[in-house]
PDB file of N, CA and C in Angstrom:
ATOM      1  N   MET A   1     206.432  33.316 107.368  1.00  0.00           N
ATOM      2  CA  MET A   1     205.582  33.489 106.421  1.00  0.00           C
ATOM      3  C   MET A   1     205.317  34.241 105.763  1.00  0.00           C
ATOM      4  N   ALA A   2     205.424  34.419 104.055  1.00  0.00           N
ATOM      5  CA  ALA A   2     206.355  35.766 103.667  1.00  0.00           C
ATOM      6  C   ALA A   2     204.417  36.048 102.393  1.00  0.00           C
ATOM      7  N   ALA A   3     203.347  37.636 102.949  1.00  0.00           N
ATOM      8  CA  ALA A   3     202.506  37.444 101.541  1.00  0.00           C
ATOM      9  C   ALA A   3     202.748  37.666 100.682  1.00  0.00           C
ATOM     10  N   GLU A   4     202.203  37.394  99.348  1.00  0.00           N
ATOM     11  CA  GLU A   4     201.645  37.441  98.257  1.00  0.00           C
ATOM     12  C   GLU A   4     200.882  38.691  97.736  1.00  0.00           C
ATOM     13  N   ASN A   5     201.282  39.259  96.591  1.00  0.00           N
ATOM     14  CA  ASN A   5     199.818  39.934  96.138  1.00  0.00           C
ATOM     15  C   ASN A   5     199.248  39.264  94.731  1.00  0.00           C
ATOM     16  N   ILE A   6     197.560  39.393  94.762  1.00  0.00           N
ATOM     17  CA  ILE A   6     197.025  39.313  93.612  1.00  0.00           C
ATOM     18  C   ILE A   6     197.857  39.809  92.297  1.00  0.00           C
ATOM     19  N   PHE A   7     198.245  40.925  92.583  1.00  0.00           N
ATOM     20  CA  PHE A   7     198.148  41.588  90.982  1.00  0.00           C
ATOM     21  C   PHE A   7     199.755  41.955  90.799  1.00  0.00           C
ATOM     22  N   ALA A   8     201.252  40.810  91.254  1.00  0.00           N
ATOM     23  CA  ALA A   8     202.465  39.980  91.116  1.00  0.00           C
ATOM     24  C   ALA A   8     202.076  39.217  90.389  1.00  0.00           C
ATOM     25  N   THR A   9     203.224  39.181  90.040  1.00  0.00           N
ATOM     26  CA  THR A   9     203.358  38.666  88.513  1.00  0.00           C
ATOM     27  C   THR A   9     202.648  37.836  87.213  1.00  0.00           C
ATOM     28  N   ILE A  10     201.810  38.735  87.020  1.00  0.00           N
ATOM     29  CA  ILE A  10     201.599  39.288  85.746  1.00  0.00           C
ATOM     30  C   ILE A  10     202.301  38.682  84.272  1.00  0.00           C
ATOM     31  N   PRO A  11     202.031  37.833  84.222  1.00  0.00           N
ATOM     32  CA  PRO A  11     202.725  37.824  82.622  1.00  0.00           C
ATOM     33  C   PRO A  11     202.700  38.870  81.414  1.00  0.00           C
ATOM     34  N   VAL A  12     203.072  40.316  81.224  1.00  0.00           N
ATOM     35  CA  VAL A  12     203.335  40.604  79.985  1.00  0.00           C
ATOM     36  C   VAL A  12     202.799  39.921  78.688  1.00  0.00           C
ATOM     37  N   GLN A  13     203.013  39.284  77.993  1.00  0.00           N
ATOM     38  CA  GLN A  13     202.065  38.162  76.808  1.00  0.00           C
ATOM     39  C   GLN A  13     201.503  37.449  77.601  1.00  0.00           C
ATOM     40  N   LEU A  14     200.409  36.892  76.423  1.00  0.00           N
ATOM     41  CA  LEU A  14     199.016  36.301  78.077  1.00  0.00           C
ATOM     42  C   LEU A  14     198.674  35.803  76.606  1.00  0.00           C
ATOM     43  N   PRO A  15     199.030  35.180  75.722  1.00  0.00           N
ATOM     44  CA  PRO A  15     197.667  34.916  74.701  1.00  0.00           C
ATOM     45  C   PRO A  15     197.304  33.428  74.970  1.00  0.00           C
ATOM     46  N   GLU A  16     197.000  33.352  76.220  1.00  0.00           N
ATOM     47  CA  GLU A  16     195.864  31.508  76.634  1.00  0.00           C
ATOM     48  C   GLU A  16     195.105  32.845  78.269  1.00  0.00           C
ATOM     49  N   GLU A  17     194.399  32.806  78.609  1.00  0.00           N
ATOM     50  CA  GLU A  17     193.757  32.797  79.821  1.00  0.00           C
ATOM     51  C   GLU A  17     194.825  31.802  80.911  1.00  0.00           C
ATOM     52  N   LEU A  18     195.066  32.648  82.367  1.00  0.00           N
ATOM     53  CA  LEU A  18     195.764  32.663  83.079  1.00  0.00           C
ATOM     54  C   LEU A  18     195.097  32.003  84.063  1.00  0.00           C
ATOM     55  N   THR A  19     194.864  30.712  84.105  1.00  0.00           N
ATOM     56  CA  THR A  19     193.613  29.821  86.306  1.00  0.00           C
ATOM     57  C   THR A  19     195.533  29.289  86.683  1.00  0.00           C
ATOM     58  N   GLU A  20     195.224  30.352  87.599  1.00  0.00           N
ATOM     59  CA  GLU A  20     196.805  29.352  88.763  1.00  0.00           C
ATOM     60  C   GLU A  20     195.690  28.733  89.854  1.00  0.00           C
ATOM     61  N   ALA A  21     196.243  27.966  90.785  1.00  0.00           N
ATOM     62  CA  ALA A  21     195.756  27.474  91.798  1.00  0.00           C
ATOM     63  C   ALA A  21     196.464  28.143  93.312  1.00  0.00           C
ATOM     64  N   LEU A  22     195.883  29.099  93.866  1.00  0.00           N
ATOM     65  CA  LEU A  22     195.956  29.536  95.049  1.00  0.00           C
ATOM     66  C   LEU A  22     196.288  28.631  96.145  1.00  0.00           C
ATOM     67  N   ALA A  23     195.212  28.271  96.719  1.00  0.00           N
ATOM     68  CA  ALA A  23     194.937  26.926  97.491  1.00  0.00           C
ATOM     69  C   ALA A  23     193.697  26.777  96.982  1.00  0.00           C
ATOM     70  N   CYS A  24     194.105  25.016  97.879  1.00  0.00           N
ATOM     71  CA  CYS A  24     193.021  23.562  97.281  1.00  0.00           C
ATOM     72  C   CYS A  24     193.311  22.835  98.428  1.00  0.00           C
ATOM     73  N   SER A  25     191.703  22.409  98.258  1.00  0.00           N
ATOM     74  CA  SER A  25     191.871  21.402  99.877  1.00  0.00           C
ATOM     75  C   SER A  25     190.025  20.348  98.656  1.00  0.00           C
ATOM     76  N   PRO A  26     190.052  19.176  99.156  1.00  0.00           N
ATOM     77  CA  PRO A  26     189.306  18.255  98.796  1.00  0.00           C
ATOM     78  C   PRO A  26     188.121  19.744  98.127  1.00  0.00           C
ATOM     79  N   HIS A  27     187.903  20.165  99.470  1.00  0.00           N
ATOM     80  CA  HIS A  27     186.305  20.505  99.081  1.00  0.00           C
ATOM     81  C   HIS A  27     185.919  21.974  98.801  1.00  0.00           C
ATOM     82  N   VAL A  28     187.644  22.286  98.452  1.00  0.00           N
ATOM     83  CA  VAL A  28     187.266  23.931  98.024  1.00  0.00           C
ATOM     84  C   VAL A  28     188.566  23.998  97.176  1.00  0.00           C
ATOM     85  N   LYS A  29     188.707  24.540  96.439  1.00  0.00           N
ATOM     86  CA  LYS A  29     189.913  25.410  95.505  1.00  0.00           C
ATOM     87  C   LYS A  29     189.573  26.792  95.148  1.00  0.00           C
ATOM     88  N   ILE A  30     190.458  27.817  95.503  1.00  0.00           N
ATOM     89  CA  ILE A  30     190.949  29.741  94.915  1.00  0.00           C
ATOM     90  C   ILE A  30     191.560  29.207  93.907  1.00  0.00           C
ATOM     91  N   ARG A  31     190.707  29.737  92.828  1.00  0.00           N
ATOM     92  CA  ARG A  31     192.241  30.267  91.979  1.00  0.00           C
ATOM     93  C   ARG A  31     192.527  31.557  91.525  1.00  0.00           C
ATOM     94  N   ARG A  32     193.040  32.442  90.865  1.00  0.00           N
ATOM     95  CA  ARG A  32     193.247  33.261  90.262  1.00  0.00           C
ATOM     96  C   ARG A  32     193.057  32.738  88.848  1.00  0.00           C
ATOM     97  N   ILE A  33     192.645  34.404  89.046  1.00  0.00           N
ATOM     98  CA  ILE A  33     192.910  33.924  86.659  1.00  0.00           C
ATOM     99  C   ILE A  33     192.179  35.531  85.872  1.00  0.00           C
ATOM    100  N   ILE A  34     193.621  35.589  84.582  1.00  0.00           N
ATOM    101  CA  ILE A  34     193.952  36.576  84.419  1.00  0.00           C
ATOM    102  C   ILE A  34     193.632  35.882  83.010  1.00  0.00           C
ATOM    103  N   SER A  35     192.851  37.379  82.824  1.00  0.00           N
ATOM    104  CA  SER A  35     192.141  37.225  81.315  1.00  0.00           C
ATOM    105  C   SER A  35     192.565  38.918  80.459  1.00  0.00           C
ATOM    106  N   ARG A  36     192.754  38.654  79.173  1.00  0.00           N
ATOM    107  CA  ARG A  36     192.594  40.154  78.366  1.00  0.00           C
ATOM    108  C   ARG A  36     192.598  39.923  77.053  1.00  0.00           C
ATOM    109  N   GLY A  37     190.865  40.173  76.965  1.00  0.00           N
ATOM    110  CA  GLY A  37     190.279  39.814  75.525  1.00  0.00           C
ATOM    111  C   GLY A  37     190.024  38.544  75.168  1.00  0.00           C
ATOM    112  N   HIS A  38     190.387  37.578  76.750  1.00  0.00           N
ATOM    113  CA  HIS A  38     189.582  36.457  75.969  1.00  0.00           C
ATOM    114  C   HIS A  38     188.158  36.009  76.372  1.00  0.00           C
ATOM    115  N   ARG A  39     188.242  34.684  75.746  1.00  0.00           N
ATOM    116  CA  ARG A  39     186.573  34.739  76.722  1.00  0.00           C
ATOM    117  C   ARG A  39     185.877  32.988  75.859  1.00  0.00           C
ATOM    118  N   SER A  40     184.995  32.655  76.715  1.00  0.00           N
ATOM    119  CA  SER A  40     185.102  31.103  75.815  1.00  0.00           C
ATOM    120  C   SER A  40     184.518  31.308  74.054  1.00  0.00           C
ATOM    121  N   PRO A  41     185.149  29.489  73.540  1.00  0.00           N
ATOM    122  CA  PRO A  41     184.434  29.669  72.114  1.00  0.00           C
ATOM    123  C   PRO A  41     183.072  30.071  72.502  1.00  0.00           C
ATOM    124  N   ALA A  42     182.168  30.113  71.511  1.00  0.00           N
ATOM    125  CA  ALA A  42     180.935  30.240  71.579  1.00  0.00           C
ATOM    126  C   ALA A  42     179.868  28.835  71.544  1.00  0.00           C
ATOM    127  N   ASP A  43     180.504  27.998  71.723  1.00  0.00           N
ATOM    128  CA  ASP A  43     179.800  26.428  71.628  1.00  0.00           C
ATOM    129  C   ASP A  43     180.471  26.115  73.020  1.00  0.00           C
ATOM    130  N   CYS A  44     181.177  26.400  73.804  1.00  0.00           N
ATOM    131  CA  CYS A  44     181.434  26.221  75.040  1.00  0.00           C
ATOM    132  C   CYS A  44     180.799  26.478  75.817  1.00  0.00           C
ATOM    133  N   TRP A  45     180.000  25.912  76.944  1.00  0.00           N
ATOM    134  CA  TRP A  45     179.260  26.579  77.950  1.00  0.00           C
ATOM    135  C   TRP A  45     179.905  25.271  78.737  1.00  0.00           C
ATOM    136  N   TYR A  46     180.547  25.771  80.854  1.00  0.00           N
ATOM    137  CA  TYR A  46     180.971  25.908  81.680  1.00  0.00           C
ATOM    138  C   TYR A  46     179.610  24.429  82.308  1.00  0.00           C
ATOM    139  N   ASP A  47     179.771  23.809  83.504  1.00  0.00           N
ATOM    140  CA  ASP A  47     178.863  22.601  84.022  1.00  0.00           C
ATOM    141  C   ASP A  47     179.453  22.200  84.551  1.00  0.00           C
ATOM    142  N   GLN A  48     179.798  22.217  85.806  1.00  0.00           N
ATOM    143  CA  GLN A  48     180.523  22.040  86.831  1.00  0.00           C
ATOM    144  C   GLN A  48     180.094  21.098  87.937  1.00  0.00           C
ATOM    145  N   GLU A  49     180.361  20.439  88.302  1.00  0.00           N
ATOM    146  CA  GLU A  49     180.206  20.089  89.233  1.00  0.00           C
ATOM    147  C   GLU A  49     179.397  20.144  90.901  1.00  0.00           C
ATOM    148  N   GLN A  50     180.920  21.477  91.167  1.00  0.00           N
ATOM    149  CA  GLN A  50     180.742  22.063  92.995  1.00  0.00           C
ATOM    150  C   GLN A  50     180.177  23.738  91.969  1.00  0.00           C
ATOM    151  N   ASN A  51     179.639  24.661  93.329  1.00  0.00           N
ATOM    152  CA  ASN A  51     179.307  25.729  93.398  1.00  0.00           C
ATOM    153  C   ASN A  51     180.717  26.319  92.317  1.00  0.00           C
ATOM    154  N   GLU A  52     180.351  27.773  92.423  1.00  0.00           N
ATOM    155  CA  GLU A  52     181.431  28.549  91.814  1.00  0.00           C
ATOM    156  C   GLU A  52     180.953  30.482  92.605  1.00  0.00           C
ATOM    157  N   TRP A  53     182.058  31.073  93.387  1.00  0.00           N
ATOM    158  CA  TRP A  53     181.895  32.663  94.115  1.00  0.00           C
ATOM    159  C   TRP A  53     182.752  32.919  92.999  1.00  0.00           C
ATOM    160  N   VAL A  54     182.824  34.061  92.042  1.00  0.00           N
ATOM    161  CA  VAL A  54     183.431  34.467  91.462  1.00  0.00           C
ATOM    162  C   VAL A  54     183.515  35.917  91.898  1.00  0.00           C
ATOM    163  N   LEU A  55     184.337  36.786  92.251  1.00  0.00           N
ATOM    164  CA  LEU A  55     185.455  38.130  92.482  1.00  0.00           C
ATOM    165  C   LEU A  55     186.086  39.072  91.469  1.00  0.00           C
ATOM    166  N   LEU A  56     185.814  39.930  90.990  1.00  0.00           N
ATOM    167  CA  LEU A  56     185.998  40.416  90.081  1.00  0.00           C
ATOM    168  C   LEU A  56     186.781  41.334  90.571  1.00  0.00           C
ATOM    169  N   LEU A  57     187.871  41.613  90.667  1.00  0.00           N
ATOM    170  CA  LEU A  57     188.536  41.999  91.229  1.00  0.00           C
ATOM    171  C   LEU A  57     189.466  43.237  90.420  1.00  0.00           C
ATOM    172  N   LYS A  58     189.673  43.304  89.931  1.00  0.00           N
ATOM    173  CA  LYS A  58     190.464  44.358  88.421  1.00  0.00           C
ATOM    174  C   LYS A  58     189.730  44.176  86.728  1.00  0.00           C
ATOM    175  N   GLY A  59     190.098  44.830  85.910  1.00  0.00           N
ATOM    176  CA  GLY A  59     189.248  44.471  84.361  1.00  0.00           C
ATOM    177  C   GLY A  59     187.588  45.150  84.550  1.00  0.00           C
ATOM    178  N   GLY A  60     187.001  44.078  83.526  1.00  0.00           N
ATOM    179  CA  GLY A  60     186.177  44.357  82.667  1.00  0.00           C
ATOM    180  C   GLY A  60     185.208  42.817  82.534  1.00  0.00           C
ATOM    181  N   ALA A  61     184.157  42.195  82.833  1.00  0.00           N
ATOM    182  CA  ALA A  61     183.958  41.627  81.970  1.00  0.00           C
ATOM    183  C   ALA A  61     181.949  40.594  81.640  1.00  0.00           C
ATOM    184  N   GLY A  62     181.896  40.275  80.772  1.00  0.00           N
ATOM    185  CA  GLY A  62     180.502  39.513  80.889  1.00  0.00           C
ATOM    186  C   GLY A  62     180.421  37.894  81.201  1.00  0.00           C
ATOM    187  N   LEU A  63     179.696  37.403  81.600  1.00  0.00           N
ATOM    188  CA  LEU A  63     179.152  36.591  81.654  1.00  0.00           C
ATOM    189  C   LEU A  63     177.683  35.987  80.991  1.00  0.00           C
ATOM    190  N   ALA A  64     177.568  34.963  79.622  1.00  0.00           N
ATOM    191  CA  ALA A  64     176.706  34.365  79.477  1.00  0.00           C
ATOM    192  C   ALA A  64     175.991  32.780  80.571  1.00  0.00           C
ATOM    193  N   PHE A  65     174.351  32.903  80.434  1.00  0.00           N
ATOM    194  CA  PHE A  65     173.838  32.116  80.861  1.00  0.00           C
ATOM    195  C   PHE A  65     172.631  31.257  80.161  1.00  0.00           C
ATOM    196  N   GLU A  66     173.101  29.897  79.768  1.00  0.00           N
ATOM    197  CA  GLU A  66     172.646  28.915  78.631  1.00  0.00           C
ATOM    198  C   GLU A  66     171.097  29.352  79.532  1.00  0.00           C
ATOM    199  N   ASN A  67     170.500  30.194  78.266  1.00  0.00           N
ATOM    200  CA  ASN A  67     168.822  30.290  78.205  1.00  0.00           C
ATOM    201  C   ASN A  67     168.035  31.921  78.908  1.00  0.00           C
ATOM    202  N   VAL A  68     169.405  32.554  79.185  1.00  0.00           N
ATOM    203  CA  VAL A  68     169.259  33.713  79.685  1.00  0.00           C
ATOM    204  C   VAL A  68     169.470  34.781  78.616  1.00  0.00           C
ATOM    205  N   PRO A  69     168.568  35.800  78.016  1.00  0.00           N
ATOM    206  CA  PRO A  69     169.285  36.248  76.821  1.00  0.00           C
ATOM    207  C   PRO A  69     170.795  37.384  77.259  1.00  0.00           C
ATOM    208  N   ASP A  70     170.049  38.256  78.824  1.00  0.00           N
ATOM    209  CA  ASP A  70     171.283  39.550  78.990  1.00  0.00           C
ATOM    210  C   ASP A  70     172.233  38.833  79.245  1.00  0.00           C
ATOM    211  N   ILE A  71     173.714  39.447  78.747  1.00  0.00           N
ATOM    212  CA  ILE A  71     174.742  39.723  79.635  1.00  0.00           C
ATOM    213  C   ILE A  71     174.832  39.385  81.192  1.00  0.00           C
ATOM    214  N   THR A  72     175.748  39.385  81.890  1.00  0.00           N
ATOM    215  CA  THR A  72     175.780  39.192  83.015  1.00  0.00           C
ATOM    216  C   THR A  72     176.953  40.094  82.812  1.00  0.00           C
ATOM    217  N   GLU A  73     176.853  42.101  83.075  1.00  0.00           N
ATOM    218  CA  GLU A  73     178.281  42.615  83.213  1.00  0.00           C
ATOM    219  C   GLU A  73     178.870  42.624  84.154  1.00  0.00           C
ATOM    220  N   LEU A  74     180.402  42.556  84.821  1.00  0.00           N
ATOM    221  CA  LEU A  74     180.824  42.766  85.997  1.00  0.00           C
ATOM    222  C   LEU A  74     182.032  43.764  85.052  1.00  0.00           C
ATOM    223  N   LYS A  75     182.359  44.743  87.010  1.00  0.00           N
ATOM    224  CA  LYS A  75     183.165  45.547  87.362  1.00  0.00           C
ATOM    225  C   LYS A  75     183.662  45.291  88.483  1.00  0.00           C
ATOM    226  N   PRO A  76     185.019  45.768  88.378  1.00  0.00           N
ATOM    227  CA  PRO A  76     185.540  46.079  89.854  1.00  0.00           C
ATOM    228  C   PRO A  76     184.949  45.644  91.521  1.00  0.00           C
ATOM    229  N   GLY A  77     184.912  45.242  91.639  1.00  0.00           N
ATOM    230  CA  GLY A  77     184.398  44.872  92.933  1.00  0.00           C
ATOM    231  C   GLY A  77     182.800  43.777  93.028  1.00  0.00           C
ATOM    232  N   ASP A  78     182.131  43.324  91.969  1.00  0.00           N
ATOM    233  CA  ASP A  78     180.936  43.004  91.950  1.00  0.00           C
ATOM    234  C   ASP A  78     181.113  41.570  91.955  1.00  0.00           C
ATOM    235  N   TYR A  79     181.010  40.360  92.575  1.00  0.00           N
ATOM    236  CA  TYR A  79     181.040  39.907  92.676  1.00  0.00           C
ATOM    237  C   TYR A  79     179.308  38.971  91.361  1.00  0.00           C
ATOM    238  N   ILE A  80     179.734  37.047  92.082  1.00  0.00           N
ATOM    239  CA  ILE A  80     178.309  36.436  91.601  1.00  0.00           C
ATOM    240  C   ILE A  80     178.333  35.052  91.940  1.00  0.00           C
ATOM    241  N   ASN A  81     177.608  34.314  92.549  1.00  0.00           N
ATOM    242  CA  ASN A  81     177.827  33.372  92.903  1.00  0.00           C
ATOM    243  C   ASN A  81     177.192  31.900  91.950  1.00  0.00           C
ATOM    244  N   ILE A  82     177.970  30.936  91.770  1.00  0.00           N
ATOM    245  CA  ILE A  82     177.122  30.111  89.941  1.00  0.00           C
ATOM    246  C   ILE A  82     176.971  29.158  90.600  1.00  0.00           C
ATOM    247  N   PRO A  83     175.578  28.547  91.413  1.00  0.00           N
ATOM    248  CA  PRO A  83     175.827  26.919  91.836  1.00  0.00           C
ATOM    249  C   PRO A  83     175.426  25.948  90.932  1.00  0.00           C
ATOM    250  N   ALA A  84     176.375  25.014  91.089  1.00  0.00           N
ATOM    251  CA  ALA A  84     177.135  23.237  90.614  1.00  0.00           C
ATOM    252  C   ALA A  84     176.084  23.992  89.625  1.00  0.00           C
ATOM    253  N   HIS A  85     175.783  23.027  88.129  1.00  0.00           N
ATOM    254  CA  HIS A  85     175.395  22.734  86.907  1.00  0.00           C
ATOM    255  C   HIS A  85     174.864  24.134  86.188  1.00  0.00           C
ATOM    256  N   VAL A  86     175.212  24.662  87.070  1.00  0.00           N
ATOM    257  CA  VAL A  86     174.386  26.012  85.696  1.00  0.00           C
ATOM    258  C   VAL A  86     175.375  26.594  84.771  1.00  0.00           C
ATOM    259  N   ARG A  87     174.752  26.329  83.494  1.00  0.00           N
ATOM    260  CA  ARG A  87     175.588  26.722  82.223  1.00  0.00           C
ATOM    261  C   ARG A  87     176.264  28.405  82.075  1.00  0.00           C
ATOM    262  N   HIS A  88     177.386  27.950  81.648  1.00  0.00           N
ATOM    263  CA  HIS A  88     178.050  29.870  81.461  1.00  0.00           C
ATOM    264  C   HIS A  88     179.366  29.884  81.179  1.00  0.00           C
ATOM    265  N   ARG A  89     179.454  31.134  80.951  1.00  0.00           N
ATOM    266  CA  ARG A  89     180.522  30.542  79.594  1.00  0.00           C
ATOM    267  C   ARG A  89     180.499  32.405  79.849  1.00  0.00           C
ATOM    268  N   VAL A  90     182.284  32.199  79.038  1.00  0.00           N
ATOM    269  CA  VAL A  90     182.624  33.955  79.748  1.00  0.00           C
ATOM    270  C   VAL A  90     182.478  34.475  78.098  1.00  0.00           C
ATOM    271  N   ALA A  91     181.410  35.657  77.919  1.00  0.00           N
ATOM    272  CA  ALA A  91     181.016  36.770  76.705  1.00  0.00           C
ATOM    273  C   ALA A  91     182.327  37.623  76.306  1.00  0.00           C
ATOM    274  N   TRP A  92     182.955  37.697  77.393  1.00  0.00           N
ATOM    275  CA  TRP A  92     183.413  38.787  76.759  1.00  0.00           C
ATOM    276  C   TRP A  92     184.809  39.553  78.607  1.00  0.00           C
ATOM    277  N   THR A  93     186.101  39.407  77.827  1.00  0.00           N
ATOM    278  CA  THR A  93     186.341  40.082  78.402  1.00  0.00           C
ATOM    279  C   THR A  93     187.899  41.836  78.314  1.00  0.00           C
ATOM    280  N   ALA A  94     187.478  42.462  78.890  1.00  0.00           N
ATOM    281  CA  ALA A  94     188.986  43.711  78.646  1.00  0.00           C
ATOM    282  C   ALA A  94     189.703  43.712  78.426  1.00  0.00           C
ATOM    283  N   ASN A  95     189.479  44.419  76.589  1.00  0.00           N
ATOM    284  CA  ASN A  95     190.476  44.382  75.557  1.00  0.00           C
ATOM    285  C   ASN A  95     191.684  44.779  76.068  1.00  0.00           C
ATOM    286  N   ASP A  96     192.012  45.993  76.934  1.00  0.00           N
ATOM    287  CA  ASP A  96     193.024  46.831  76.681  1.00  0.00           C
ATOM    288  C   ASP A  96     193.414  46.891  78.488  1.00  0.00           C
ATOM    289  N   GLU A  97     192.667  45.621  78.893  1.00  0.00           N
ATOM    290  CA  GLU A  97     193.268  45.756  80.151  1.00  0.00           C
ATOM    291  C   GLU A  97     193.746  44.572  80.583  1.00  0.00           C
ATOM    292  N   ASP A  98     194.305  44.395  81.866  1.00  0.00           N
ATOM    293  CA  ASP A  98     194.250  42.858  82.270  1.00  0.00           C
ATOM    294  C   ASP A  98     192.583  42.933  83.516  1.00  0.00           C
ATOM    295  N   THR A  99     192.040  41.422  83.532  1.00  0.00           N
ATOM    296  CA  THR A  99     191.494  41.353  83.627  1.00  0.00           C
ATOM    297  C   THR A  99     191.410  39.940  85.255  1.00  0.00           C
ATOM    298  N   VAL A 100     191.541  41.089  86.226  1.00  0.00           N
ATOM    299  CA  VAL A 100     191.134  39.684  87.040  1.00  0.00           C
ATOM    300  C   VAL A 100     190.438  39.446  88.347  1.00  0.00           C
ATOM    301  N   TRP A 101     190.217  37.537  87.507  1.00  0.00           N
ATOM    302  CA  TRP A 101     188.834  36.996  89.151  1.00  0.00           C
ATOM    303  C   TRP A 101     189.627  36.179  90.196  1.00  0.00           C
ATOM    304  N   LEU A 102     188.916  36.610  91.175  1.00  0.00           N
ATOM    305  CA  LEU A 102     189.500  35.317  91.983  1.00  0.00           C
ATOM    306  C   LEU A 102     187.630  34.563  92.079  1.00  0.00           C
ATOM    307  N   ALA A 103     188.434  33.013  91.885  1.00  0.00           N
ATOM    308  CA  ALA A 103     187.594  31.336  92.067  1.00  0.00           C
ATOM    309  C   ALA A 103     187.097  31.054  92.835  1.00  0.00           C
ATOM    310  N   ILE A 104     186.372  30.524  93.475  1.00  0.00           N
ATOM    311  CA  ILE A 104     185.968  29.831  94.559  1.00  0.00           C
ATOM    312  C   ILE A 104     185.098  28.474  94.348  1.00  0.00           C
ATOM    313  N   HIS A 105     185.326  27.693  93.688  1.00  0.00           N
ATOM    314  CA  HIS A 105     184.964  26.100  93.772  1.00  0.00           C
ATOM    315  C   HIS A 105     184.657  25.746  95.204  1.00  0.00           C
ATOM    316  N   TYR A 106     183.247  25.802  95.703  1.00  0.00           N
ATOM    317  CA  TYR A 106     183.273  24.713  96.798  1.00  0.00           C
ATOM    318  C   TYR A 106     181.766  23.846  96.385  1.00  0.00           C
TER     319      TYR A 106
END
């Protein structure tokens, strides 16, 4: 069995945010997300059926939560648990470097 690296195979060109499944079961999904200046459209809110635990591994990002005036800023090593049906969106990600996230939906 060979090990893989979370920072490997990051595309040079990234016109859209990249989401890849790393491991999945009926109740848990683990994904790698790579952003480079990407953000959610201003009128788009995620409203997910499952809880989501997110760890920012590299880069920087800001998350907006519906009816919360402040942006939650994340730097490498920061994590956040987003309960199911808490409406949120990506307000910004770093423009000058890759932002690498590990997202676990459970």
